Amino acid sequence: MTNIFRGKNILVTGGTGSIGSEIVRKLLQYKPKVIRVLSNDENGLFNLEQELPGYPNLRFLVGDVKDKERLRKAIENIDFVFHAAALKHVPLCEYNPFEAVKTNVIGTQNLIEVAMEVEVEKLITISTDKAVNPVNVMGATKLLAERLTISANYYKGLRKTAFSCVRFGNVLHSRGSVVPLFIEQIAKGGPVTVTDPNMTRFVMSIPKAVDLVLKAAAITQGGEVFILKMPALRIGDLAEVVIEELAPRYGHAPGNIGITIIGRRECEKNHEELLTEDEAVNARATEDMFVICSEVKQKNEEAAIKGYTSEDERLLSSGEIKEMLMESLPYLSQPTP
């Protein structure tokens, strides 16, 4: 990793988000020449700047991927681009579909086009399991962002830029995810609201997800979708563990915090997919990821790769969920009861 990123100029879009900011923190370890953090969240940029003082190679840029001219300035002399900017909340995208398209689709196109203009070495788009067989606006826009990124390898002509994607499921303690919501509800004395306790989801901690994002960036040749192997859990089990472990921290007995079932929302799946059977034909497995290649000279011969869904995976036990939860706590802001 040090050899890949040392002395390089790097741009991180959505750099104040949960994934983007952790990418920035990790990259600092590898001594790049400059990291430009682009975000439309002015307060987020200020907070990250206060968190990371003393780094002369950090630049904090206010801007939006919808603004192509701003991107042109931000990407000057850049070698690597990590594209984490997106509208990611499923219900909000459902009620604001045009805005989701402008950010997730047009914003991605803008970034790809300016990346080709200056011929960056590599551009990595951060994607989501919602892009697989999408049933909502957010998933559909992220699927199109994936396809734009991969197809850019054909569209670029003789330009050297390698375009690829990294796809993973729910990051356990990211902003707007279910664990911070559960904690906020517990702090107020409950109840904890669960859509369907039997829903299953892929989960991973922020550090592990970002480690694999950087690994994918190091090895990509262009045209791959890197799918991170992730553990899965049942939402009801997660809610019970969060209550048991964290209720006492907010002065409540776990037994006094109830769980209210509110029902599955129309735009949600009961189980998530990270790899379809059709994609598996062009995929190969490594220790920690599946890699879908856009041009496969030899079809997948591993009969074990039939797809990758949270329904078919071994689900985490309560003890394993607790271990992952404890790992995530440093990344969670403490709510006010």
C-alpha atoms as a PDB file:
ATOM      1  CA  MET A   1       0.000   0.000   0.000  1.00  0.00           C
ATOM      2  CA  THR A   2       2.809   2.396   0.875  1.00  0.00           C
ATOM      3  CA  ASN A   3       4.396   1.940  -2.539  1.00  0.00           C
ATOM      4  CA  ILE A   4       1.055   2.482  -4.299  1.00  0.00           C
ATOM      5  CA  PHE A   5      -0.008   5.719  -2.571  1.00  0.00           C
ATOM      6  CA  ARG A   6       3.272   7.303  -1.413  1.00  0.00           C
ATOM      7  CA  GLY A   7       3.844  10.629  -3.134  1.00  0.00           C
ATOM      8  CA  LYS A   8       0.533  10.461  -5.024  1.00  0.00           C
ATOM      9  CA  ASN A   9      -2.133  13.137  -5.383  1.00  0.00           C
ATOM     10  CA  ILE A  10      -5.509  11.817  -4.242  1.00  0.00           C
ATOM     11  CA  LEU A  11      -9.061  13.167  -4.416  1.00  0.00           C
ATOM     12  CA  VAL A  12     -11.808  11.830  -2.138  1.00  0.00           C
ATOM     13  CA  THR A  13     -15.346  12.924  -3.005  1.00  0.00           C
ATOM     14  CA  GLY A  14     -17.847  12.744  -0.178  1.00  0.00           C
ATOM     15  CA  GLY A  15     -14.762  12.950   1.982  1.00  0.00           C
ATOM     16  CA  THR A  16     -16.571  13.979   5.168  1.00  0.00           C
ATOM     17  CA  GLY A  17     -18.919  10.977   5.193  1.00  0.00           C
ATOM     18  CA  SER A  18     -18.397   7.817   7.218  1.00  0.00           C
ATOM     19  CA  ILE A  19     -16.548   5.959   4.455  1.00  0.00           C
ATOM     20  CA  GLY A  20     -14.926   8.980   2.804  1.00  0.00           C
ATOM     21  CA  SER A  21     -13.423  10.342   6.025  1.00  0.00           C
ATOM     22  CA  GLU A  22     -12.036   6.939   6.981  1.00  0.00           C
ATOM     23  CA  ILE A  23     -10.464   6.647   3.522  1.00  0.00           C
ATOM     24  CA  VAL A  24      -8.758   9.969   4.243  1.00  0.00           C
ATOM     25  CA  ARG A  25      -7.504   8.787   7.646  1.00  0.00           C
ATOM     26  CA  LYS A  26      -6.147   5.525   6.230  1.00  0.00           C
ATOM     27  CA  LEU A  27      -4.469   7.180   3.249  1.00  0.00           C
ATOM     28  CA  LEU A  28      -2.561   9.560   5.527  1.00  0.00           C
ATOM     29  CA  GLN A  29      -0.636   6.524   6.818  1.00  0.00           C
ATOM     30  CA  TYR A  30       0.828   5.952   3.340  1.00  0.00           C
ATOM     31  CA  LYS A  31       2.326   9.443   2.959  1.00  0.00           C
ATOM     32  CA  PRO A  32       0.631  10.722  -0.192  1.00  0.00           C
ATOM     33  CA  LYS A  33       1.762  14.056  -1.603  1.00  0.00           C
ATOM     34  CA  VAL A  34      -1.716  15.559  -1.197  1.00  0.00           C
ATOM     35  CA  ILE A  35      -5.234  14.454  -0.304  1.00  0.00           C
ATOM     36  CA  ARG A  36      -8.029  16.737  -1.466  1.00  0.00           C
ATOM     37  CA  VAL A  37     -11.227  16.213   0.520  1.00  0.00           C
ATOM     38  CA  LEU A  38     -14.247  17.347  -1.494  1.00  0.00           C
ATOM     39  CA  SER A  39     -17.636  17.744   0.190  1.00  0.00           C
ATOM     40  CA  ASN A  40     -20.708  19.943   0.077  1.00  0.00           C
ATOM     41  CA  ASP A  41     -20.873  19.661   3.888  1.00  0.00           C
ATOM     42  CA  GLU A  42     -19.064  22.781   5.107  1.00  0.00           C
ATOM     43  CA  ASN A  43     -19.479  21.846   8.751  1.00  0.00           C
ATOM     44  CA  GLY A  44     -18.218  18.331   8.062  1.00  0.00           C
ATOM     45  CA  LEU A  45     -15.105  19.749   6.399  1.00  0.00           C
ATOM     46  CA  PHE A  46     -14.482  22.045   9.367  1.00  0.00           C
ATOM     47  CA  ASN A  47     -14.862  19.155  11.836  1.00  0.00           C
ATOM     48  CA  LEU A  48     -12.528  16.883   9.870  1.00  0.00           C
ATOM     49  CA  GLU A  49      -9.955  19.675   9.636  1.00  0.00           C
ATOM     50  CA  GLN A  50     -10.100  20.089  13.428  1.00  0.00           C
ATOM     51  CA  GLU A  51      -9.767  16.324  13.900  1.00  0.00           C
ATOM     52  CA  LEU A  52      -6.710  16.080  11.628  1.00  0.00           C
ATOM     53  CA  PRO A  53      -4.465  19.056  12.433  1.00  0.00           C
ATOM     54  CA  GLY A  54      -0.844  19.176  11.417  1.00  0.00           C
ATOM     55  CA  TYR A  55      -1.154  17.549   8.007  1.00  0.00           C
ATOM     56  CA  PRO A  56       0.175  19.994   5.404  1.00  0.00           C
ATOM     57  CA  ASN A  57      -0.799  17.565   2.629  1.00  0.00           C
ATOM     58  CA  LEU A  58      -4.549  17.829   3.393  1.00  0.00           C
ATOM     59  CA  ARG A  59      -6.759  20.182   1.384  1.00  0.00           C
ATOM     60  CA  PHE A  60     -10.403  20.770   2.271  1.00  0.00           C
ATOM     61  CA  LEU A  61     -12.556  21.716  -0.718  1.00  0.00           C
ATOM     62  CA  VAL A  62     -16.170  22.860  -0.578  1.00  0.00           C
ATOM     63  CA  GLY A  63     -17.873  21.555  -3.681  1.00  0.00           C
ATOM     64  CA  ASP A  64     -20.452  19.225  -5.150  1.00  0.00           C
ATOM     65  CA  VAL A  65     -20.159  16.471  -7.745  1.00  0.00           C
ATOM     66  CA  LYS A  66     -23.129  18.037  -9.532  1.00  0.00           C
ATOM     67  CA  ASP A  67     -20.859  21.026 -10.325  1.00  0.00           C
ATOM     68  CA  LYS A  68     -18.613  19.905 -13.181  1.00  0.00           C
ATOM     69  CA  GLU A  69     -16.520  23.077 -13.219  1.00  0.00           C
ATOM     70  CA  ARG A  70     -15.729  22.644  -9.535  1.00  0.00           C
ATOM     71  CA  LEU A  71     -14.672  19.063 -10.223  1.00  0.00           C
ATOM     72  CA  ARG A  72     -12.338  20.225 -12.995  1.00  0.00           C
ATOM     73  CA  LYS A  73     -10.455  22.381 -10.520  1.00  0.00           C
ATOM     74  CA  ALA A  74     -10.491  19.758  -7.791  1.00  0.00           C
ATOM     75  CA  ILE A  75      -9.066  17.027 -10.034  1.00  0.00           C
ATOM     76  CA  GLU A  76      -6.100  18.928 -11.471  1.00  0.00           C
ATOM     77  CA  ASN A  77      -2.897  16.815 -11.197  1.00  0.00           C
ATOM     78  CA  ILE A  78      -4.724  14.039  -9.342  1.00  0.00           C
ATOM     79  CA  ASP A  79      -3.524  10.401  -9.592  1.00  0.00           C
ATOM     80  CA  PHE A  80      -6.224   8.484  -7.634  1.00  0.00           C
ATOM     81  CA  VAL A  81      -9.909   9.287  -7.136  1.00  0.00           C
ATOM     82  CA  PHE A  82     -12.104   7.647  -4.488  1.00  0.00           C
ATOM     83  CA  HIS A  83     -15.716   8.493  -5.300  1.00  0.00           C
ATOM     84  CA  ALA A  84     -17.745   8.217  -2.091  1.00  0.00           C
ATOM     85  CA  ALA A  85     -20.135  11.135  -2.662  1.00  0.00           C
ATOM     86  CA  ALA A  86     -23.738   9.931  -2.890  1.00  0.00           C
ATOM     87  CA  LEU A  87     -27.265  10.254  -1.604  1.00  0.00           C
ATOM     88  CA  LYS A  88     -27.572   6.976   0.276  1.00  0.00           C
ATOM     89  CA  HIS A  89     -30.714   7.015   2.417  1.00  0.00           C
ATOM     90  CA  VAL A  90     -33.341   4.800   0.808  1.00  0.00           C
ATOM     91  CA  PRO A  91     -36.531   6.604   1.939  1.00  0.00           C
ATOM     92  CA  LEU A  92     -35.134  10.087   1.202  1.00  0.00           C
ATOM     93  CA  CYS A  93     -34.107   9.037  -2.291  1.00  0.00           C
ATOM     94  CA  GLU A  94     -37.555   7.521  -2.803  1.00  0.00           C
ATOM     95  CA  TYR A  95     -39.215  10.867  -2.069  1.00  0.00           C
ATOM     96  CA  ASN A  96     -36.515  12.940  -3.807  1.00  0.00           C
ATOM     97  CA  PRO A  97     -35.767  10.859  -6.904  1.00  0.00           C
ATOM     98  CA  PHE A  98     -34.649  13.679  -9.204  1.00  0.00           C
ATOM     99  CA  GLU A  99     -32.092  14.834  -6.645  1.00  0.00           C
ATOM    100  CA  ALA A 100     -30.850  11.246  -6.260  1.00  0.00           C
ATOM    101  CA  VAL A 101     -30.319  11.038 -10.025  1.00  0.00           C
ATOM    102  CA  LYS A 102     -28.489  14.383 -10.100  1.00  0.00           C
ATOM    103  CA  THR A 103     -26.028  13.322  -7.404  1.00  0.00           C
ATOM    104  CA  ASN A 104     -25.627   9.567  -7.855  1.00  0.00           C
ATOM    105  CA  VAL A 105     -25.860   9.391 -11.649  1.00  0.00           C
ATOM    106  CA  ILE A 106     -25.058  12.803 -13.162  1.00  0.00           C
ATOM    107  CA  GLY A 107     -22.492  13.483 -10.428  1.00  0.00           C
ATOM    108  CA  THR A 108     -20.744  10.200 -11.218  1.00  0.00           C
ATOM    109  CA  GLN A 109     -20.801  11.000 -14.937  1.00  0.00           C
ATOM    110  CA  ASN A 110     -19.319  14.448 -14.253  1.00  0.00           C
ATOM    111  CA  LEU A 111     -16.493  12.923 -12.245  1.00  0.00           C
ATOM    112  CA  ILE A 112     -15.760  10.255 -14.863  1.00  0.00           C
ATOM    113  CA  GLU A 113     -15.602  12.852 -17.622  1.00  0.00           C
ATOM    114  CA  VAL A 114     -13.204  15.177 -15.802  1.00  0.00           C
ATOM    115  CA  ALA A 115     -11.107  12.156 -14.733  1.00  0.00           C
ATOM    116  CA  MET A 116     -10.704  11.238 -18.400  1.00  0.00           C
ATOM    117  CA  GLU A 117      -9.811  14.815 -19.306  1.00  0.00           C
ATOM    118  CA  VAL A 118      -6.770  14.772 -17.005  1.00  0.00           C
ATOM    119  CA  GLU A 119      -6.142  11.020 -17.279  1.00  0.00           C
ATOM    120  CA  VAL A 120      -6.005  10.128 -13.603  1.00  0.00           C
ATOM    121  CA  GLU A 121      -4.456   6.718 -12.927  1.00  0.00           C
ATOM    122  CA  LYS A 122      -7.437   5.126 -11.210  1.00  0.00           C
ATOM    123  CA  LEU A 123     -10.995   6.034 -10.202  1.00  0.00           C
ATOM    124  CA  ILE A 124     -12.825   3.862  -7.661  1.00  0.00           C
ATOM    125  CA  THR A 125     -16.579   4.286  -7.224  1.00  0.00           C
ATOM    126  CA  ILE A 126     -17.980   3.177  -3.846  1.00  0.00           C
ATOM    127  CA  SER A 127     -21.187   1.197  -4.383  1.00  0.00           C
ATOM    128  CA  THR A 128     -23.708  -0.727  -2.313  1.00  0.00           C
ATOM    129  CA  ASP A 129     -25.621  -3.981  -2.143  1.00  0.00           C
ATOM    130  CA  LYS A 130     -28.743  -1.914  -2.904  1.00  0.00           C
ATOM    131  CA  ALA A 131     -27.457  -1.747  -6.508  1.00  0.00           C
ATOM    132  CA  VAL A 132     -28.035  -5.506  -6.950  1.00  0.00           C
ATOM    133  CA  ASN A 133     -31.496  -6.230  -8.375  1.00  0.00           C
ATOM    134  CA  PRO A 134     -32.635  -2.790  -7.116  1.00  0.00           C
ATOM    135  CA  VAL A 135     -36.160  -2.277  -5.791  1.00  0.00           C
ATOM    136  CA  ASN A 136     -35.784   1.405  -4.893  1.00  0.00           C
ATOM    137  CA  VAL A 137     -34.561   4.676  -6.385  1.00  0.00           C
ATOM    138  CA  MET A 138     -31.329   4.712  -4.407  1.00  0.00           C
ATOM    139  CA  GLY A 139     -30.378   1.227  -5.565  1.00  0.00           C
ATOM    140  CA  ALA A 140     -31.280   1.999  -9.174  1.00  0.00           C
ATOM    141  CA  THR A 141     -29.152   5.147  -9.206  1.00  0.00           C
ATOM    142  CA  LYS A 142     -26.199   3.327  -7.640  1.00  0.00           C
ATOM    143  CA  LEU A 143     -26.531   0.531 -10.202  1.00  0.00           C
ATOM    144  CA  LEU A 144     -26.340   3.103 -12.978  1.00  0.00           C
ATOM    145  CA  ALA A 145     -23.342   4.713 -11.255  1.00  0.00           C
ATOM    146  CA  GLU A 146     -21.663   1.289 -11.289  1.00  0.00           C
ATOM    147  CA  ARG A 147     -22.434   0.739 -14.968  1.00  0.00           C
ATOM    148  CA  LEU A 148     -21.219   4.228 -15.910  1.00  0.00           C
ATOM    149  CA  THR A 149     -17.969   3.581 -14.073  1.00  0.00           C
ATOM    150  CA  ILE A 150     -17.313   0.162 -15.602  1.00  0.00           C
ATOM    151  CA  SER A 151     -18.378   1.226 -19.103  1.00  0.00           C
ATOM    152  CA  ALA A 152     -16.033   4.204 -18.918  1.00  0.00           C
ATOM    153  CA  ASN A 153     -13.237   1.702 -19.565  1.00  0.00           C
ATOM    154  CA  TYR A 154     -14.619   1.342 -23.105  1.00  0.00           C
ATOM    155  CA  TYR A 155     -15.621   4.984 -23.534  1.00  0.00           C
ATOM    156  CA  LYS A 156     -12.198   6.368 -22.567  1.00  0.00           C
ATOM    157  CA  GLY A 157     -10.550   5.352 -25.836  1.00  0.00           C
ATOM    158  CA  LEU A 158      -6.751   5.407 -25.512  1.00  0.00           C
ATOM    159  CA  ARG A 159      -6.750   7.263 -22.203  1.00  0.00           C
ATOM    160  CA  LYS A 160      -4.919   5.432 -19.425  1.00  0.00           C
ATOM    161  CA  THR A 161      -7.446   5.803 -16.579  1.00  0.00           C
ATOM    162  CA  ALA A 162      -8.634   2.568 -14.939  1.00  0.00           C
ATOM    163  CA  PHE A 163     -12.220   2.705 -13.682  1.00  0.00           C
ATOM    164  CA  SER A 164     -13.588   0.198 -11.155  1.00  0.00           C
ATOM    165  CA  CYS A 165     -16.145  -0.193  -8.346  1.00  0.00           C
ATOM    166  CA  VAL A 166     -16.181  -1.562  -4.826  1.00  0.00           C
ATOM    167  CA  ARG A 167     -19.537  -2.900  -3.628  1.00  0.00           C
ATOM    168  CA  PHE A 168     -20.382  -3.691  -0.023  1.00  0.00           C
ATOM    169  CA  GLY A 169     -23.333  -3.879   2.333  1.00  0.00           C
ATOM    170  CA  ASN A 170     -24.251  -1.971   5.469  1.00  0.00           C
ATOM    171  CA  VAL A 171     -21.471  -0.306   7.417  1.00  0.00           C
ATOM    172  CA  LEU A 172     -22.524  -0.949  10.970  1.00  0.00           C
ATOM    173  CA  HIS A 173     -21.848   2.438  12.491  1.00  0.00           C
ATOM    174  CA  SER A 174     -22.051   4.778   9.511  1.00  0.00           C
ATOM    175  CA  ARG A 175     -24.170   7.915   9.683  1.00  0.00           C
ATOM    176  CA  GLY A 176     -27.861   7.245   9.255  1.00  0.00           C
ATOM    177  CA  SER A 177     -27.460   3.498   9.725  1.00  0.00           C
ATOM    178  CA  VAL A 178     -29.618   1.485  12.067  1.00  0.00           C
ATOM    179  CA  VAL A 179     -27.252   1.260  15.067  1.00  0.00           C
ATOM    180  CA  PRO A 180     -27.058   5.031  15.719  1.00  0.00           C
ATOM    181  CA  LEU A 181     -30.859   5.112  15.434  1.00  0.00           C
ATOM    182  CA  PHE A 182     -31.202   2.296  17.968  1.00  0.00           C
ATOM    183  CA  ILE A 183     -28.824   4.087  20.354  1.00  0.00           C
ATOM    184  CA  GLU A 184     -30.733   7.366  20.068  1.00  0.00           C
ATOM    185  CA  GLN A 185     -33.989   5.542  20.853  1.00  0.00           C
ATOM    186  CA  ILE A 186     -32.414   3.746  23.824  1.00  0.00           C
ATOM    187  CA  ALA A 187     -31.052   7.022  25.212  1.00  0.00           C
ATOM    188  CA  LYS A 188     -34.618   8.359  25.240  1.00  0.00           C
ATOM    189  CA  GLY A 189     -35.917   5.277  27.062  1.00  0.00           C
ATOM    190  CA  GLY A 190     -37.197   3.383  24.020  1.00  0.00           C
ATOM    191  CA  PRO A 191     -38.878   1.781  22.338  1.00  0.00           C
ATOM    192  CA  VAL A 192     -36.473   0.583  19.664  1.00  0.00           C
ATOM    193  CA  THR A 193     -38.241   0.399  16.302  1.00  0.00           C
ATOM    194  CA  VAL A 194     -37.559  -2.566  14.009  1.00  0.00           C
ATOM    195  CA  THR A 195     -39.094  -2.959  10.561  1.00  0.00           C
ATOM    196  CA  ASP A 196     -38.950  -6.758  10.553  1.00  0.00           C
ATOM    197  CA  PRO A 197     -36.841  -8.740  13.047  1.00  0.00           C
ATOM    198  CA  ASN A 198     -36.302 -11.528  10.503  1.00  0.00           C
ATOM    199  CA  MET A 199     -34.722  -9.222   7.902  1.00  0.00           C
ATOM    200  CA  THR A 200     -31.111 -10.083   7.216  1.00  0.00           C
ATOM    201  CA  ARG A 201     -28.371  -7.671   6.243  1.00  0.00           C
ATOM    202  CA  PHE A 202     -24.674  -7.765   5.363  1.00  0.00           C
ATOM    203  CA  VAL A 203     -22.641  -5.731   7.868  1.00  0.00           C
ATOM    204  CA  MET A 204     -19.043  -4.643   8.282  1.00  0.00           C
ATOM    205  CA  SER A 205     -17.091  -2.154  10.358  1.00  0.00           C
ATOM    206  CA  ILE A 206     -15.811   1.039   8.742  1.00  0.00           C
ATOM    207  CA  PRO A 207     -12.089   0.179   9.154  1.00  0.00           C
ATOM    208  CA  LYS A 208     -12.459  -3.258   7.565  1.00  0.00           C
ATOM    209  CA  ALA A 209     -14.524  -1.904   4.678  1.00  0.00           C
ATOM    210  CA  VAL A 210     -12.012   0.855   3.942  1.00  0.00           C
ATOM    211  CA  ASP A 211      -9.025  -1.527   4.163  1.00  0.00           C
ATOM    212  CA  LEU A 212     -10.590  -3.572   1.373  1.00  0.00           C
ATOM    213  CA  VAL A 213     -11.439  -0.456  -0.658  1.00  0.00           C
ATOM    214  CA  LEU A 214      -7.761   0.533  -0.630  1.00  0.00           C
ATOM    215  CA  LYS A 215      -6.701  -3.010  -1.459  1.00  0.00           C
ATOM    216  CA  ALA A 216      -9.058  -3.009  -4.449  1.00  0.00           C
ATOM    217  CA  ALA A 217      -7.613   0.322  -5.586  1.00  0.00           C
ATOM    218  CA  ALA A 218      -4.107  -1.104  -5.399  1.00  0.00           C
ATOM    219  CA  ILE A 219      -4.810  -4.202  -7.505  1.00  0.00           C
ATOM    220  CA  THR A 220      -7.391  -2.983 -10.016  1.00  0.00           C
ATOM    221  CA  GLN A 221      -6.539  -3.058 -13.699  1.00  0.00           C
ATOM    222  CA  GLY A 222      -9.834  -1.400 -14.694  1.00  0.00           C
ATOM    223  CA  GLY A 223     -13.288  -2.828 -15.316  1.00  0.00           C
ATOM    224  CA  GLU A 224     -13.664  -4.841 -12.111  1.00  0.00           C
ATOM    225  CA  VAL A 225     -16.411  -4.763  -9.507  1.00  0.00           C
ATOM    226  CA  PHE A 226     -14.866  -5.774  -6.186  1.00  0.00           C
ATOM    227  CA  ILE A 227     -17.454  -7.286  -3.846  1.00  0.00           C
ATOM    228  CA  LEU A 228     -16.357  -7.410  -0.242  1.00  0.00           C
ATOM    229  CA  LYS A 229     -17.135 -10.594   1.651  1.00  0.00           C
ATOM    230  CA  MET A 230     -19.124  -9.565   4.704  1.00  0.00           C
ATOM    231  CA  PRO A 231     -20.835 -11.289   7.623  1.00  0.00           C
ATOM    232  CA  ALA A 232     -24.620 -11.186   7.839  1.00  0.00           C
ATOM    233  CA  LEU A 233     -27.015 -10.830  10.746  1.00  0.00           C
ATOM    234  CA  ARG A 234     -30.698 -10.743  11.609  1.00  0.00           C
ATOM    235  CA  ILE A 235     -31.999  -7.246  12.416  1.00  0.00           C
ATOM    236  CA  GLY A 236     -33.951  -8.510  15.419  1.00  0.00           C
ATOM    237  CA  ASP A 237     -30.783 -10.056  16.883  1.00  0.00           C
ATOM    238  CA  LEU A 238     -28.910  -6.788  16.344  1.00  0.00           C
ATOM    239  CA  ALA A 239     -31.588  -4.792  18.169  1.00  0.00           C
ATOM    240  CA  GLU A 240     -31.522  -7.166  21.146  1.00  0.00           C
ATOM    241  CA  VAL A 241     -27.719  -6.998  21.443  1.00  0.00           C
ATOM    242  CA  VAL A 242     -27.659  -3.198  21.203  1.00  0.00           C
ATOM    243  CA  ILE A 243     -30.298  -2.944  23.949  1.00  0.00           C
ATOM    244  CA  GLU A 244     -28.542  -5.461  26.208  1.00  0.00           C
ATOM    245  CA  GLU A 245     -25.126  -3.852  25.864  1.00  0.00           C
ATOM    246  CA  LEU A 246     -25.916  -0.143  25.711  1.00  0.00           C
ATOM    247  CA  ALA A 247     -29.092   0.484  27.734  1.00  0.00           C
ATOM    248  CA  PRO A 248     -27.159   0.546  31.058  1.00  0.00           C
ATOM    249  CA  ARG A 249     -24.857   3.256  29.650  1.00  0.00           C
ATOM    250  CA  TYR A 250     -27.883   5.546  29.430  1.00  0.00           C
ATOM    251  CA  GLY A 251     -29.283   4.644  32.846  1.00  0.00           C
ATOM    252  CA  HIS A 252     -31.881   2.130  31.650  1.00  0.00           C
ATOM    253  CA  ALA A 253     -32.387  -1.531  32.471  1.00  0.00           C
ATOM    254  CA  PRO A 254     -32.353  -3.577  29.254  1.00  0.00           C
ATOM    255  CA  GLY A 255     -35.635  -5.201  30.246  1.00  0.00           C
ATOM    256  CA  ASN A 256     -37.341  -1.796  30.284  1.00  0.00           C
ATOM    257  CA  ILE A 257     -36.481  -1.024  26.656  1.00  0.00           C
ATOM    258  CA  GLY A 258     -39.142  -2.452  24.396  1.00  0.00           C
ATOM    259  CA  ILE A 259     -38.978  -3.342  20.711  1.00  0.00           C
ATOM    260  CA  THR A 260     -41.766  -2.126  18.417  1.00  0.00           C
ATOM    261  CA  ILE A 261     -42.243  -3.837  15.058  1.00  0.00           C
ATOM    262  CA  ILE A 262     -43.202  -1.183  12.487  1.00  0.00           C
ATOM    263  CA  GLY A 263     -43.280  -3.349   9.368  1.00  0.00           C
ATOM    264  CA  ARG A 264     -41.159  -3.501   6.245  1.00  0.00           C
ATOM    265  CA  ARG A 265     -41.133  -0.377   4.134  1.00  0.00           C
ATOM    266  CA  GLU A 266     -42.228  -0.680   0.519  1.00  0.00           C
ATOM    267  CA  CYS A 267     -38.778   0.176  -0.809  1.00  0.00           C
ATOM    268  CA  GLU A 268     -36.927  -2.447   1.256  1.00  0.00           C
ATOM    269  CA  LYS A 269     -35.915  -6.065   0.671  1.00  0.00           C
ATOM    270  CA  ASN A 270     -36.162  -8.779   3.315  1.00  0.00           C
ATOM    271  CA  HIS A 271     -32.693 -10.003   2.344  1.00  0.00           C
ATOM    272  CA  GLU A 272     -29.841  -8.257   0.555  1.00  0.00           C
ATOM    273  CA  GLU A 273     -27.724  -9.463  -2.346  1.00  0.00           C
ATOM    274  CA  LEU A 274     -24.102  -8.634  -3.102  1.00  0.00           C
ATOM    275  CA  LEU A 275     -23.597 -10.944  -6.081  1.00  0.00           C
ATOM    276  CA  THR A 276     -26.163 -12.431  -8.460  1.00  0.00           C
ATOM    277  CA  GLU A 277     -25.931 -15.821 -10.149  1.00  0.00           C
ATOM    278  CA  ASP A 278     -25.503 -14.106 -13.506  1.00  0.00           C
ATOM    279  CA  GLU A 279     -22.629 -12.004 -12.165  1.00  0.00           C
ATOM    280  CA  ALA A 280     -21.044 -15.054 -10.546  1.00  0.00           C
ATOM    281  CA  VAL A 281     -20.378 -16.520 -14.001  1.00  0.00           C
ATOM    282  CA  ASN A 282     -17.793 -13.763 -14.538  1.00  0.00           C
ATOM    283  CA  ALA A 283     -16.497 -13.702 -10.957  1.00  0.00           C
ATOM    284  CA  ARG A 284     -13.538 -15.160  -9.167  1.00  0.00           C
ATOM    285  CA  ALA A 285     -13.171 -15.547  -5.429  1.00  0.00           C
ATOM    286  CA  THR A 286     -10.287 -14.407  -3.259  1.00  0.00           C
ATOM    287  CA  GLU A 287      -9.904 -14.733   0.492  1.00  0.00           C
ATOM    288  CA  ASP A 288     -11.777 -11.531   1.257  1.00  0.00           C
ATOM    289  CA  MET A 289     -13.695 -10.581  -1.889  1.00  0.00           C
ATOM    290  CA  PHE A 290     -15.315 -11.618  -5.139  1.00  0.00           C
ATOM    291  CA  VAL A 291     -14.053  -9.903  -8.278  1.00  0.00           C
ATOM    292  CA  ILE A 292     -16.355  -9.494 -11.279  1.00  0.00           C
ATOM    293  CA  CYS A 293     -14.372  -8.795 -14.432  1.00  0.00           C
ATOM    294  CA  SER A 294     -15.897  -6.967 -17.379  1.00  0.00           C
ATOM    295  CA  GLU A 295     -13.833  -9.039 -19.793  1.00  0.00           C
ATOM    296  CA  VAL A 296     -13.493 -12.666 -18.734  1.00  0.00           C
ATOM    297  CA  LYS A 297     -11.322 -14.914 -20.857  1.00  0.00           C
ATOM    298  CA  GLN A 298     -12.203 -17.977 -18.829  1.00  0.00           C
ATOM    299  CA  LYS A 299     -15.585 -18.484 -17.218  1.00  0.00           C
ATOM    300  CA  ASN A 300     -15.825 -19.177 -13.520  1.00  0.00           C
ATOM    301  CA  GLU A 301     -15.108 -22.826 -12.846  1.00  0.00           C
ATOM    302  CA  GLU A 302     -15.812 -22.732  -9.123  1.00  0.00           C
ATOM    303  CA  ALA A 303     -19.250 -24.259  -8.823  1.00  0.00           C
ATOM    304  CA  ALA A 304     -19.451 -22.963  -5.252  1.00  0.00           C
ATOM    305  CA  ILE A 305     -19.948 -19.393  -6.498  1.00  0.00           C
ATOM    306  CA  LYS A 306     -23.667 -19.267  -7.221  1.00  0.00           C
ATOM    307  CA  GLY A 307     -24.455 -15.852  -5.818  1.00  0.00           C
ATOM    308  CA  TYR A 308     -24.031 -14.073  -2.528  1.00  0.00           C
ATOM    309  CA  THR A 309     -27.097 -13.140  -0.456  1.00  0.00           C
ATOM    310  CA  SER A 310     -27.580 -12.414   3.233  1.00  0.00           C
ATOM    311  CA  GLU A 311     -30.363 -15.024   3.363  1.00  0.00           C
ATOM    312  CA  ASP A 312     -27.967 -17.849   2.478  1.00  0.00           C
ATOM    313  CA  GLU A 313     -25.037 -16.807   4.665  1.00  0.00           C
ATOM    314  CA  ARG A 314     -24.375 -18.049   8.172  1.00  0.00           C
ATOM    315  CA  LEU A 315     -25.812 -15.416  10.486  1.00  0.00           C
ATOM    316  CA  LEU A 316     -23.736 -13.897  13.264  1.00  0.00           C
ATOM    317  CA  SER A 317     -24.414 -15.107  16.778  1.00  0.00           C
ATOM    318  CA  SER A 318     -25.254 -12.670  19.565  1.00  0.00           C
ATOM    319  CA  GLY A 319     -21.677 -12.893  20.813  1.00  0.00           C
ATOM    320  CA  GLU A 320     -20.277 -12.099  17.380  1.00  0.00           C
ATOM    321  CA  ILE A 321     -22.679  -9.167  16.990  1.00  0.00           C
ATOM    322  CA  LYS A 322     -21.564  -7.862  20.391  1.00  0.00           C
ATOM    323  CA  GLU A 323     -17.902  -8.056  19.343  1.00  0.00           C
ATOM    324  CA  MET A 324     -18.581  -6.093  16.153  1.00  0.00           C
ATOM    325  CA  LEU A 325     -20.698  -3.568  18.062  1.00  0.00           C
ATOM    326  CA  MET A 326     -17.928  -2.923  20.562  1.00  0.00           C
ATOM    327  CA  GLU A 327     -15.494  -2.382  17.703  1.00  0.00           C
ATOM    328  CA  SER A 328     -17.847   0.204  16.243  1.00  0.00           C
ATOM    329  CA  LEU A 329     -18.455   2.299  19.350  1.00  0.00           C
ATOM    330  CA  PRO A 330     -15.502   4.701  18.872  1.00  0.00           C
ATOM    331  CA  TYR A 331     -17.118   5.796  15.592  1.00  0.00           C
ATOM    332  CA  LEU A 332     -20.501   6.527  17.111  1.00  0.00           C
ATOM    333  CA  SER A 333     -21.395   9.979  18.386  1.00  0.00           C
ATOM    334  CA  GLN A 334     -23.127   9.896  21.719  1.00  0.00           C
ATOM    335  CA  PRO A 335     -26.754  11.025  21.554  1.00  0.00           C
ATOM    336  CA  THR A 336     -28.322  13.360  24.047  1.00  0.00           C
ATOM    337  CA  PRO A 337     -31.058  11.606  26.065  1.00  0.00           C
END
